[in-house]
C-alpha cells in the first residue's frame, strides 16, 4: 500500500494490473497442473505379486491379475492367489470386469 500510494494514481493502476496478471497466470498454471496430475492418477492400473493362472481345455480363461479397467479409472490388484480353469470355465482372483 505504501509503495502504491507513492506512485500516483496512474502508475499504481498499472502496477496493480501487472501484479494481477502474474497472479492470475500463476494460479491458472497451478490449476492445469493439478488437473493433469489428477487425470493421470485416475488412469493408474497397478498389479503386483499375483499368483499363478492356469487354463486347461478349449475356451478356458484364468486370471490372477487385472483384465478390465475400473469404472473410475483406477485398478489395484495385490497379493492374489492362484486361478485355475478347465473345460471352458473361468477363474479369477483379481479384477476381471469382462463383458
PDB file of N, CA and C in Angstrom:
ATOM      1  N   UNK A   1       0.826  -1.187   0.000  1.00  0.00           N
ATOM      2  CA  UNK A   1       0.000   0.000   0.000  1.00  0.00           C
ATOM      3  C   UNK A   1       0.868   1.248   0.000  1.00  0.00           C
ATOM      4  N   UNK A   2       1.934   1.221   0.800  1.00  0.00           N
ATOM      5  CA  UNK A   2       2.798   2.394   0.885  1.00  0.00           C
ATOM      6  C   UNK A   2       3.455   2.639  -0.475  1.00  0.00           C
ATOM      7  N   UNK A   3       3.898   1.528  -1.119  1.00  0.00           N
ATOM      8  CA  UNK A   3       4.520   1.647  -2.446  1.00  0.00           C
ATOM      9  C   UNK A   3       3.548   2.243  -3.454  1.00  0.00           C
ATOM     10  N   UNK A   4       2.318   1.707  -3.490  1.00  0.00           N
ATOM     11  CA  UNK A   4       1.328   2.190  -4.455  1.00  0.00           C
ATOM     12  C   UNK A   4       0.900   3.629  -4.179  1.00  0.00           C
ATOM     13  N   UNK A   5       0.845   4.012  -2.912  1.00  0.00           N
ATOM     14  CA  UNK A   5       0.449   5.378  -2.551  1.00  0.00           C
ATOM     15  C   UNK A   5       1.459   6.380  -3.083  1.00  0.00           C
ATOM     16  N   UNK A   6       2.724   6.018  -3.073  1.00  0.00           N
ATOM     17  CA  UNK A   6       3.764   6.916  -3.551  1.00  0.00           C
ATOM     18  C   UNK A   6       3.887   6.947  -5.063  1.00  0.00           C
ATOM     19  N   UNK A   7       3.234   6.097  -5.782  1.00  0.00           N
ATOM     20  CA  UNK A   7       3.362   6.013  -7.233  1.00  0.00           C
ATOM     21  C   UNK A   7       2.409   6.930  -7.992  1.00  0.00           C
ATOM     22  N   UNK A   8       1.419   7.379  -7.388  1.00  0.00           N
ATOM     23  CA  UNK A   8       0.420   8.176  -8.107  1.00  0.00           C
ATOM     24  C   UNK A   8      -0.657   7.250  -8.663  1.00  0.00           C
ATOM     25  N   UNK A   9      -1.798   7.804  -8.980  1.00  0.00           N
ATOM     26  CA  UNK A   9      -2.953   7.003  -9.381  1.00  0.00           C
ATOM     27  C   UNK A   9      -2.723   6.238 -10.679  1.00  0.00           C
ATOM     28  N   UNK A  10      -2.166   6.864 -11.682  1.00  0.00           N
ATOM     29  CA  UNK A  10      -1.976   6.226 -12.990  1.00  0.00           C
ATOM     30  C   UNK A  10      -0.965   5.077 -12.905  1.00  0.00           C
ATOM     31  N   UNK A  11       0.173   5.325 -12.293  1.00  0.00           N
ATOM     32  CA  UNK A  11       1.197   4.269 -12.175  1.00  0.00           C
ATOM     33  C   UNK A  11       0.746   3.154 -11.232  1.00  0.00           C
ATOM     34  N   UNK A  12       0.038   3.482 -10.163  1.00  0.00           N
ATOM     35  CA  UNK A  12      -0.454   2.461  -9.228  1.00  0.00           C
ATOM     36  C   UNK A  12      -1.426   1.522  -9.931  1.00  0.00           C
ATOM     37  N   UNK A  13      -2.267   2.084 -10.791  1.00  0.00           N
ATOM     38  CA  UNK A  13      -3.203   1.257 -11.549  1.00  0.00           C
ATOM     39  C   UNK A  13      -2.452   0.291 -12.461  1.00  0.00           C
ATOM     40  N   UNK A  14      -1.387   0.744 -13.072  1.00  0.00           N
ATOM     41  CA  UNK A  14      -0.580  -0.128 -13.936  1.00  0.00           C
ATOM     42  C   UNK A  14       0.088  -1.244 -13.130  1.00  0.00           C
ATOM     43  N   UNK A  15       0.634  -0.893 -11.971  1.00  0.00           N
ATOM     44  CA  UNK A  15       1.270  -1.918 -11.117  1.00  0.00           C
ATOM     45  C   UNK A  15       0.261  -2.973 -10.667  1.00  0.00           C
ATOM     46  N   UNK A  16      -0.920  -2.546 -10.287  1.00  0.00           N
ATOM     47  CA  UNK A  16      -1.960  -3.483  -9.853  1.00  0.00           C
ATOM     48  C   UNK A  16      -2.357  -4.408 -11.006  1.00  0.00           C
ATOM     49  N   UNK A  17      -2.446  -3.873 -12.209  1.00  0.00           N
ATOM     50  CA  UNK A  17      -2.788  -4.700 -13.371  1.00  0.00           C
ATOM     51  C   UNK A  17      -1.710  -5.732 -13.652  1.00  0.00           C
ATOM     52  N   UNK A  18      -0.445  -5.338 -13.565  1.00  0.00           N
ATOM     53  CA  UNK A  18       0.660  -6.264 -13.822  1.00  0.00           C
ATOM     54  C   UNK A  18       0.699  -7.369 -12.769  1.00  0.00           C
ATOM     55  N   UNK A  19       0.594  -6.992 -11.511  1.00  0.00           N
ATOM     56  CA  UNK A  19       0.616  -7.991 -10.439  1.00  0.00           C
ATOM     57  C   UNK A  19      -0.594  -8.919 -10.552  1.00  0.00           C
ATOM     58  N   UNK A  20      -1.749  -8.379 -10.873  1.00  0.00           N
ATOM     59  CA  UNK A  20      -2.950  -9.201 -11.037  1.00  0.00           C
ATOM     60  C   UNK A  20      -2.801 -10.203 -12.163  1.00  0.00           C
ATOM     61  N   UNK A  21      -2.165  -9.778 -13.278  1.00  0.00           N
ATOM     62  CA  UNK A  21      -1.955 -10.696 -14.395  1.00  0.00           C
ATOM     63  C   UNK A  21      -0.999 -11.824 -13.994  1.00  0.00           C
ATOM     64  N   UNK A  22       0.086 -11.494 -13.311  1.00  0.00           N
ATOM     65  CA  UNK A  22       1.050 -12.517 -12.878  1.00  0.00           C
ATOM     66  C   UNK A  22       0.389 -13.516 -11.935  1.00  0.00           C
ATOM     67  N   UNK A  23      -0.378 -13.037 -10.986  1.00  0.00           N
ATOM     68  CA  UNK A  23      -1.074 -13.938 -10.046  1.00  0.00           C
ATOM     69  C   UNK A  23      -2.090 -14.801 -10.792  1.00  0.00           C
ATOM     70  N   UNK A  24      -2.821 -14.219 -11.715  1.00  0.00           N
ATOM     71  CA  UNK A  24      -3.824 -14.959 -12.474  1.00  0.00           C
ATOM     72  C   UNK A  24      -3.190 -16.064 -13.317  1.00  0.00           C
ATOM     73  N   UNK A  25      -2.106 -15.744 -14.016  1.00  0.00           N
ATOM     74  CA  UNK A  25      -1.425 -16.748 -14.839  1.00  0.00           C
ATOM     75  C   UNK A  25      -0.844 -17.855 -13.959  1.00  0.00           C
ATOM     76  N   UNK A  26      -0.274 -17.487 -12.826  1.00  0.00           N
ATOM     77  CA  UNK A  26       0.294 -18.492 -11.914  1.00  0.00           C
ATOM     78  C   UNK A  26      -0.778 -19.439 -11.382  1.00  0.00           C
ATOM     79  N   UNK A  27      -1.909 -18.895 -10.957  1.00  0.00           N
ATOM     80  CA  UNK A  27      -2.993 -19.740 -10.446  1.00  0.00           C
ATOM     81  C   UNK A  27      -3.586 -20.617 -11.551  1.00  0.00           C
ATOM     82  N   UNK A  28      -3.678 -20.106 -12.756  1.00  0.00           N
ATOM     83  CA  UNK A  28      -4.178 -20.900 -13.878  1.00  0.00           C
ATOM     84  C   UNK A  28      -3.239 -22.067 -14.180  1.00  0.00           C
ATOM     85  N   UNK A  29      -1.950 -21.801 -14.199  1.00  0.00           N
ATOM     86  CA  UNK A  29      -0.967 -22.864 -14.447  1.00  0.00           C
ATOM     87  C   UNK A  29      -1.020 -23.917 -13.347  1.00  0.00           C
ATOM     88  N   UNK A  30      -1.159 -23.487 -12.101  1.00  0.00           N
ATOM     89  CA  UNK A  30      -1.257 -24.436 -10.993  1.00  0.00           C
ATOM     90  C   UNK A  30      -2.521 -25.284 -11.117  1.00  0.00           C
ATOM     91  N   UNK A  31      -3.623 -24.677 -11.527  1.00  0.00           N
ATOM     92  CA  UNK A  31      -4.864 -25.429 -11.714  1.00  0.00           C
ATOM     93  C   UNK A  31      -4.752 -26.451 -12.833  1.00  0.00           C
ATOM     94  N   UNK A  32      -4.124 -26.062 -13.942  1.00  0.00           N
ATOM     95  CA  UNK A  32      -3.913 -27.012 -15.042  1.00  0.00           C
ATOM     96  C   UNK A  32      -3.016 -28.164 -14.620  1.00  0.00           C
ATOM     97  N   UNK A  33      -1.949 -27.865 -13.876  1.00  0.00           N
ATOM     98  CA  UNK A  33      -1.048 -28.916 -13.393  1.00  0.00           C
ATOM     99  C   UNK A  33      -1.775 -29.869 -12.450  1.00  0.00           C
ATOM    100  N   UNK A  34      -2.555 -29.334 -11.537  1.00  0.00           N
ATOM    101  CA  UNK A  34      -3.313 -30.175 -10.606  1.00  0.00           C
ATOM    102  C   UNK A  34      -4.320 -31.048 -11.346  1.00  0.00           C
ATOM    103  N   UNK A  35      -5.005 -30.479 -12.332  1.00  0.00           N
ATOM    104  CA  UNK A  35      -5.950 -31.263 -13.125  1.00  0.00           C
ATOM    105  C   UNK A  35      -5.269 -32.375 -13.898  1.00  0.00           C
ATOM    106  N   UNK A  36      -4.102 -32.097 -14.486  1.00  0.00           N
ATOM    107  CA  UNK A  36      -3.367 -33.108 -15.232  1.00  0.00           C
ATOM    108  C   UNK A  36      -2.890 -34.224 -14.312  1.00  0.00           C
ATOM    109  N   UNK A  37      -2.371 -33.865 -13.134  1.00  0.00           N
ATOM    110  CA  UNK A  37      -1.919 -34.891 -12.187  1.00  0.00           C
ATOM    111  C   UNK A  37      -3.077 -35.756 -11.700  1.00  0.00           C
ATOM    112  N   UNK A  38      -4.233 -35.157 -11.484  1.00  0.00           N
ATOM    113  CA  UNK A  38      -5.411 -35.911 -11.050  1.00  0.00           C
ATOM    114  C   UNK A  38      -5.877 -36.846 -12.152  1.00  0.00           C
ATOM    115  N   UNK A  39      -5.919 -36.378 -13.394  1.00  0.00           N
ATOM    116  CA  UNK A  39      -6.314 -37.224 -14.517  1.00  0.00           C
ATOM    117  C   UNK A  39      -5.332 -38.370 -14.692  1.00  0.00           C
ATOM    118  N   UNK A  40      -4.051 -38.082 -14.575  1.00  0.00           N
ATOM    119  CA  UNK A  40      -3.031 -39.118 -14.742  1.00  0.00           C
ATOM    120  C   UNK A  40      -3.157 -40.185 -13.667  1.00  0.00           C
ATOM    121  N   UNK A  41      -3.409 -39.799 -12.449  1.00  0.00           N
ATOM    122  CA  UNK A  41      -3.574 -40.768 -11.361  1.00  0.00           C
ATOM    123  C   UNK A  41      -4.837 -41.602 -11.569  1.00  0.00           C
ATOM    124  N   UNK A  42      -5.870 -41.001 -12.133  1.00  0.00           N
ATOM    125  CA  UNK A  42      -7.126 -41.721 -12.358  1.00  0.00           C
ATOM    126  C   UNK A  42      -6.966 -42.834 -13.384  1.00  0.00           C
ATOM    127  N   UNK A  43      -5.968 -42.766 -14.241  1.00  0.00           N
ATOM    128  CA  UNK A  43      -5.748 -43.779 -15.258  1.00  0.00           C
ATOM    129  C   UNK A  43      -4.842 -44.909 -14.764  1.00  0.00           C
ATOM    130  N   UNK A  44      -4.443 -44.907 -13.508  1.00  0.00           N
ATOM    131  CA  UNK A  44      -3.469 -45.844 -12.970  1.00  0.00           C
ATOM    132  C   UNK A  44      -4.040 -47.254 -12.840  1.00  0.00           C
ATOM    133  N   UNK A  45      -3.279 -48.234 -13.302  1.00  0.00           N
ATOM    134  CA  UNK A  45      -3.582 -49.652 -13.088  1.00  0.00           C
ATOM    135  C   UNK A  45      -2.328 -50.278 -12.527  1.00  0.00           C
ATOM    136  N   UNK A  46      -2.400 -50.835 -11.311  1.00  0.00           N
ATOM    137  CA  UNK A  46      -1.238 -51.476 -10.693  1.00  0.00           C
ATOM    138  C   UNK A  46      -1.566 -52.921 -10.391  1.00  0.00           C
ATOM    139  N   UNK A  47      -0.698 -53.814 -10.791  1.00  0.00           N
ATOM    140  CA  UNK A  47      -0.843 -55.234 -10.486  1.00  0.00           C
ATOM    141  C   UNK A  47       0.485 -55.701  -9.927  1.00  0.00           C
ATOM    142  N   UNK A  48       0.482 -56.224  -8.694  1.00  0.00           N
ATOM    143  CA  UNK A  48       1.725 -56.667  -8.062  1.00  0.00           C
ATOM    144  C   UNK A  48       1.521 -57.990  -7.347  1.00  0.00           C
ATOM    145  N   UNK A  49       2.553 -58.788  -7.358  1.00  0.00           N
ATOM    146  CA  UNK A  49       2.632 -60.045  -6.612  1.00  0.00           C
ATOM    147  C   UNK A  49       1.394 -60.922  -6.815  1.00  0.00           C
ATOM    148  N   UNK A  50       1.107 -61.266  -8.046  1.00  0.00           N
ATOM    149  CA  UNK A  50      -0.053 -62.105  -8.326  1.00  0.00           C
ATOM    150  C   UNK A  50       0.332 -63.579  -8.266  1.00  0.00           C
ATOM    151  N   UNK A  51      -0.674 -64.427  -8.173  1.00  0.00           N
ATOM    152  CA  UNK A  51      -0.453 -65.873  -8.149  1.00  0.00           C
ATOM    153  C   UNK A  51      -0.390 -66.439  -9.552  1.00  0.00           C
ATOM    154  N   UNK A  52      -0.441 -67.766  -9.640  1.00  0.00           N
ATOM    155  CA  UNK A  52      -0.390 -68.451 -10.934  1.00  0.00           C
ATOM    156  C   UNK A  52      -1.777 -68.479 -11.578  1.00  0.00           C
ATOM    157  N   UNK A  53      -1.783 -68.449 -12.911  1.00  0.00           N
ATOM    158  CA  UNK A  53      -3.022 -68.567 -13.667  1.00  0.00           C
ATOM    159  C   UNK A  53      -2.860 -69.724 -14.647  1.00  0.00           C
ATOM    160  N   UNK A  54      -3.772 -70.703 -14.568  1.00  0.00           N
ATOM    161  CA  UNK A  54      -3.689 -71.875 -15.441  1.00  0.00           C
ATOM    162  C   UNK A  54      -5.053 -72.127 -16.071  1.00  0.00           C
ATOM    163  N   UNK A  55      -5.067 -72.219 -17.397  1.00  0.00           N
ATOM    164  CA  UNK A  55      -6.300 -72.528 -18.123  1.00  0.00           C
ATOM    165  C   UNK A  55      -6.064 -73.797 -18.923  1.00  0.00           C
ATOM    166  N   UNK A  56      -6.943 -74.797 -18.756  1.00  0.00           N
ATOM    167  CA  UNK A  56      -6.824 -76.070 -19.475  1.00  0.00           C
ATOM    168  C   UNK A  56      -8.116 -76.356 -20.220  1.00  0.00           C
ATOM    169  N   UNK A  57      -7.965 -76.681 -21.465  1.00  0.00           N
ATOM    170  CA  UNK A  57      -9.130 -77.017 -22.268  1.00  0.00           C
ATOM    171  C   UNK A  57      -9.583 -75.844 -23.105  1.00  0.00           C
ATOM    172  N   UNK A  58     -10.305 -76.139 -24.193  1.00  0.00           N
ATOM    173  CA  UNK A  58     -10.760 -75.074 -25.087  1.00  0.00           C
ATOM    174  C   UNK A  58     -11.734 -74.117 -24.398  1.00  0.00           C
ATOM    175  N   UNK A  59     -11.540 -72.825 -24.632  1.00  0.00           N
ATOM    176  CA  UNK A  59     -12.446 -71.817 -24.092  1.00  0.00           C
ATOM    177  C   UNK A  59     -12.227 -71.478 -22.634  1.00  0.00           C
ATOM    178  N   UNK A  60     -11.230 -72.037 -22.004  1.00  0.00           N
ATOM    179  CA  UNK A  60     -10.982 -71.763 -20.586  1.00  0.00           C
ATOM    180  C   UNK A  60     -10.237 -70.447 -20.419  1.00  0.00           C
ATOM    181  N   UNK A  61     -10.561 -69.738 -19.334  1.00  0.00           N
ATOM    182  CA  UNK A  61      -9.873 -68.487 -19.014  1.00  0.00           C
ATOM    183  C   UNK A  61      -9.500 -68.478 -17.552  1.00  0.00           C
ATOM    184  N   UNK A  62      -8.263 -68.114 -17.278  1.00  0.00           N
ATOM    185  CA  UNK A  62      -7.813 -67.978 -15.890  1.00  0.00           C
ATOM    186  C   UNK A  62      -7.100 -66.642 -15.740  1.00  0.00           C
ATOM    187  N   UNK A  63      -7.376 -65.949 -14.656  1.00  0.00           N
ATOM    188  CA  UNK A  63      -6.792 -64.634 -14.431  1.00  0.00           C
ATOM    189  C   UNK A  63      -6.434 -64.493 -12.966  1.00  0.00           C
ATOM    190  N   UNK A  64      -5.205 -64.051 -12.688  1.00  0.00           N
ATOM    191  CA  UNK A  64      -4.854 -63.741 -11.305  1.00  0.00           C
ATOM    192  C   UNK A  64      -4.425 -62.284 -11.173  1.00  0.00           C
ATOM    193  N   UNK A  65      -4.625 -61.514 -12.229  1.00  0.00           N
ATOM    194  CA  UNK A  65      -4.274 -60.089 -12.214  1.00  0.00           C
ATOM    195  C   UNK A  65      -5.485 -59.252 -12.524  1.00  0.00           C
ATOM    196  N   UNK A  66      -5.374 -58.357 -13.504  1.00  0.00           N
ATOM    197  CA  UNK A  66      -6.476 -57.481 -13.899  1.00  0.00           C
ATOM    198  C   UNK A  66      -6.694 -57.610 -15.392  1.00  0.00           C
ATOM    199  N   UNK A  67      -7.939 -57.809 -15.835  1.00  0.00           N
ATOM    200  CA  UNK A  67      -8.239 -57.893 -17.262  1.00  0.00           C
ATOM    201  C   UNK A  67      -8.864 -56.600 -17.746  1.00  0.00           C
ATOM    202  N   UNK A  68      -9.859 -56.102 -17.085  1.00  0.00           N
ATOM    203  CA  UNK A  68     -10.513 -54.852 -17.487  1.00  0.00           C
ATOM    204  C   UNK A  68     -10.161 -53.756 -16.523  1.00  0.00           C
ATOM    205  N   UNK A  69     -10.277 -52.500 -16.964  1.00  0.00           N
ATOM    206  CA  UNK A  69     -10.029 -51.367 -16.079  1.00  0.00           C
ATOM    207  C   UNK A  69     -11.225 -51.115 -15.178  1.00  0.00           C
ATOM    208  N   UNK A  70     -11.027 -50.294 -14.205  1.00  0.00           N
ATOM    209  CA  UNK A  70     -12.123 -49.966 -13.303  1.00  0.00           C
ATOM    210  C   UNK A  70     -13.008 -48.894 -13.922  1.00  0.00           C
ATOM    211  N   UNK A  71     -14.214 -48.786 -13.458  1.00  0.00           N
ATOM    212  CA  UNK A  71     -15.149 -47.796 -13.983  1.00  0.00           C
ATOM    213  C   UNK A  71     -14.672 -46.379 -13.669  1.00  0.00           C
ATOM    214  N   UNK A  72     -13.922 -46.224 -12.606  1.00  0.00           N
ATOM    215  CA  UNK A  72     -13.427 -44.907 -12.214  1.00  0.00           C
ATOM    216  C   UNK A  72     -11.986 -44.687 -12.629  1.00  0.00           C
ATOM    217  N   UNK A  73     -11.395 -45.624 -13.361  1.00  0.00           N
ATOM    218  CA  UNK A  73     -10.065 -45.419 -13.900  1.00  0.00           C
ATOM    219  C   UNK A  73      -8.925 -45.973 -13.081  1.00  0.00           C
ATOM    220  N   UNK A  74      -9.146 -46.460 -11.870  1.00  0.00           N
ATOM    221  CA  UNK A  74      -8.040 -46.961 -11.074  1.00  0.00           C
ATOM    222  C   UNK A  74      -8.314 -48.395 -10.661  1.00  0.00           C
ATOM    223  N   UNK A  75      -7.364 -49.282 -10.948  1.00  0.00           N
ATOM    224  CA  UNK A  75      -7.464 -50.679 -10.564  1.00  0.00           C
ATOM    225  C   UNK A  75      -6.201 -51.056  -9.826  1.00  0.00           C
ATOM    226  N   UNK A  76      -6.306 -51.576  -8.630  1.00  0.00           N
ATOM    227  CA  UNK A  76      -5.152 -52.011  -7.859  1.00  0.00           C
ATOM    228  C   UNK A  76      -5.375 -53.460  -7.468  1.00  0.00           C
ATOM    229  N   UNK A  77      -4.437 -54.324  -7.857  1.00  0.00           N
ATOM    230  CA  UNK A  77      -4.528 -55.746  -7.526  1.00  0.00           C
ATOM    231  C   UNK A  77      -3.211 -56.138  -6.877  1.00  0.00           C
ATOM    232  N   UNK A  78      -3.249 -56.648  -5.662  1.00  0.00           N
ATOM    233  CA  UNK A  78      -2.032 -57.053  -4.960  1.00  0.00           C
ATOM    234  C   UNK A  78      -2.255 -58.370  -4.245  1.00  0.00           C
ATOM    235  N   UNK A  79      -1.197 -59.165  -4.203  1.00  0.00           N
ATOM    236  CA  UNK A  79      -1.161 -60.406  -3.415  1.00  0.00           C
ATOM    237  C   UNK A  79      -2.340 -61.326  -3.691  1.00  0.00           C
ATOM    238  N   UNK A  80      -2.584 -61.643  -4.947  1.00  0.00           N
ATOM    239  CA  UNK A  80      -3.686 -62.547  -5.266  1.00  0.00           C
ATOM    240  C   UNK A  80      -3.233 -63.990  -5.164  1.00  0.00           C
ATOM    241  N   UNK A  81      -4.176 -64.891  -5.092  1.00  0.00           N
ATOM    242  CA  UNK A  81      -3.877 -66.313  -5.063  1.00  0.00           C
ATOM    243  C   UNK A  81      -3.771 -66.875  -6.464  1.00  0.00           C
ATOM    244  N   UNK A  82      -3.920 -68.167  -6.579  1.00  0.00           N
ATOM    245  CA  UNK A  82      -3.841 -68.830  -7.876  1.00  0.00           C
ATOM    246  C   UNK A  82      -5.229 -68.966  -8.477  1.00  0.00           C
ATOM    247  N   UNK A  83      -5.289 -68.981  -9.823  1.00  0.00           N
ATOM    248  CA  UNK A  83      -6.559 -69.145 -10.520  1.00  0.00           C
ATOM    249  C   UNK A  83      -6.396 -70.285 -11.513  1.00  0.00           C
ATOM    250  N   UNK A  84      -7.364 -71.173 -11.545  1.00  0.00           N
ATOM    251  CA  UNK A  84      -7.323 -72.275 -12.493  1.00  0.00           C
ATOM    252  C   UNK A  84      -8.692 -72.502 -13.103  1.00  0.00           C
ATOM    253  N   UNK A  85      -8.717 -72.769 -14.413  1.00  0.00           N
ATOM    254  CA  UNK A  85      -9.980 -73.016 -15.104  1.00  0.00           C
ATOM    255  C   UNK A  85      -9.780 -74.198 -16.048  1.00  0.00           C
ATOM    256  N   UNK A  86     -10.788 -75.070 -16.119  1.00  0.00           N
ATOM    257  CA  UNK A  86     -10.735 -76.219 -17.027  1.00  0.00           C
ATOM    258  C   UNK A  86     -12.065 -76.340 -17.759  1.00  0.00           C
ATOM    259  N   UNK A  87     -12.033 -77.016 -18.886  1.00  0.00           N
ATOM    260  CA  UNK A  87     -13.232 -77.364 -19.659  1.00  0.00           C
ATOM    261  C   UNK A  87     -14.112 -76.152 -19.972  1.00  0.00           C
ATOM    262  N   UNK A  88     -13.500 -75.070 -20.433  1.00  0.00           N
ATOM    263  CA  UNK A  88     -14.286 -73.899 -20.819  1.00  0.00           C
ATOM    264  C   UNK A  88     -14.700 -73.010 -19.673  1.00  0.00           C
ATOM    265  N   UNK A  89     -14.195 -73.244 -18.489  1.00  0.00           N
ATOM    266  CA  UNK A  89     -14.575 -72.439 -17.326  1.00  0.00           C
ATOM    267  C   UNK A  89     -13.765 -71.164 -17.214  1.00  0.00           C
ATOM    268  N   UNK A  90     -14.142 -70.343 -16.244  1.00  0.00           N
ATOM    269  CA  UNK A  90     -13.428 -69.101 -15.977  1.00  0.00           C
ATOM    270  C   UNK A  90     -13.062 -69.054 -14.507  1.00  0.00           C
ATOM    271  N   UNK A  91     -11.853 -68.587 -14.231  1.00  0.00           N
ATOM    272  CA  UNK A  91     -11.404 -68.426 -12.850  1.00  0.00           C
ATOM    273  C   UNK A  91     -10.722 -67.069 -12.720  1.00  0.00           C
ATOM    274  N   UNK A  92     -10.923 -66.414 -11.586  1.00  0.00           N
ATOM    275  CA  UNK A  92     -10.378 -65.077 -11.402  1.00  0.00           C
ATOM    276  C   UNK A  92     -10.094 -64.849  -9.913  1.00  0.00           C
ATOM    277  N   UNK A  93      -8.927 -64.293  -9.601  1.00  0.00           N
ATOM    278  CA  UNK A  93      -8.646 -63.895  -8.220  1.00  0.00           C
ATOM    279  C   UNK A  93      -8.342 -62.414  -8.118  1.00  0.00           C
ATOM    280  N   UNK A  94      -8.357 -61.718  -9.238  1.00  0.00           N
ATOM    281  CA  UNK A  94      -8.081 -60.270  -9.231  1.00  0.00           C
ATOM    282  C   UNK A  94      -9.294 -59.513  -9.700  1.00  0.00           C
ATOM    283  N   UNK A  95      -9.140 -58.619 -10.660  1.00  0.00           N
ATOM    284  CA  UNK A  95     -10.220 -57.834 -11.242  1.00  0.00           C
ATOM    285  C   UNK A  95     -10.419 -58.322 -12.662  1.00  0.00           C
ATOM    286  N   UNK A  96     -11.618 -58.700 -13.051  1.00  0.00           N
ATOM    287  CA  UNK A  96     -11.848 -59.191 -14.407  1.00  0.00           C
ATOM    288  C   UNK A  96     -12.681 -58.200 -15.216  1.00  0.00           C
ATOM    289  N   UNK A  97     -13.849 -57.881 -14.800  1.00  0.00           N
ATOM    290  CA  UNK A  97     -14.761 -56.939 -15.461  1.00  0.00           C
ATOM    291  C   UNK A  97     -14.894 -57.170 -16.956  1.00  0.00           C
ATOM    292  N   UNK A  98     -14.884 -58.407 -17.375  1.00  0.00           N
ATOM    293  CA  UNK A  98     -15.053 -58.690 -18.807  1.00  0.00           C
ATOM    294  C   UNK A  98     -16.532 -58.728 -19.159  1.00  0.00           C
ATOM    295  N   UNK A  99     -16.803 -58.548 -20.427  1.00  0.00           N
ATOM    296  CA  UNK A  99     -18.205 -58.475 -20.875  1.00  0.00           C
ATOM    297  C   UNK A  99     -18.750 -59.843 -21.190  1.00  0.00           C
TER     298      UNK A  99
END
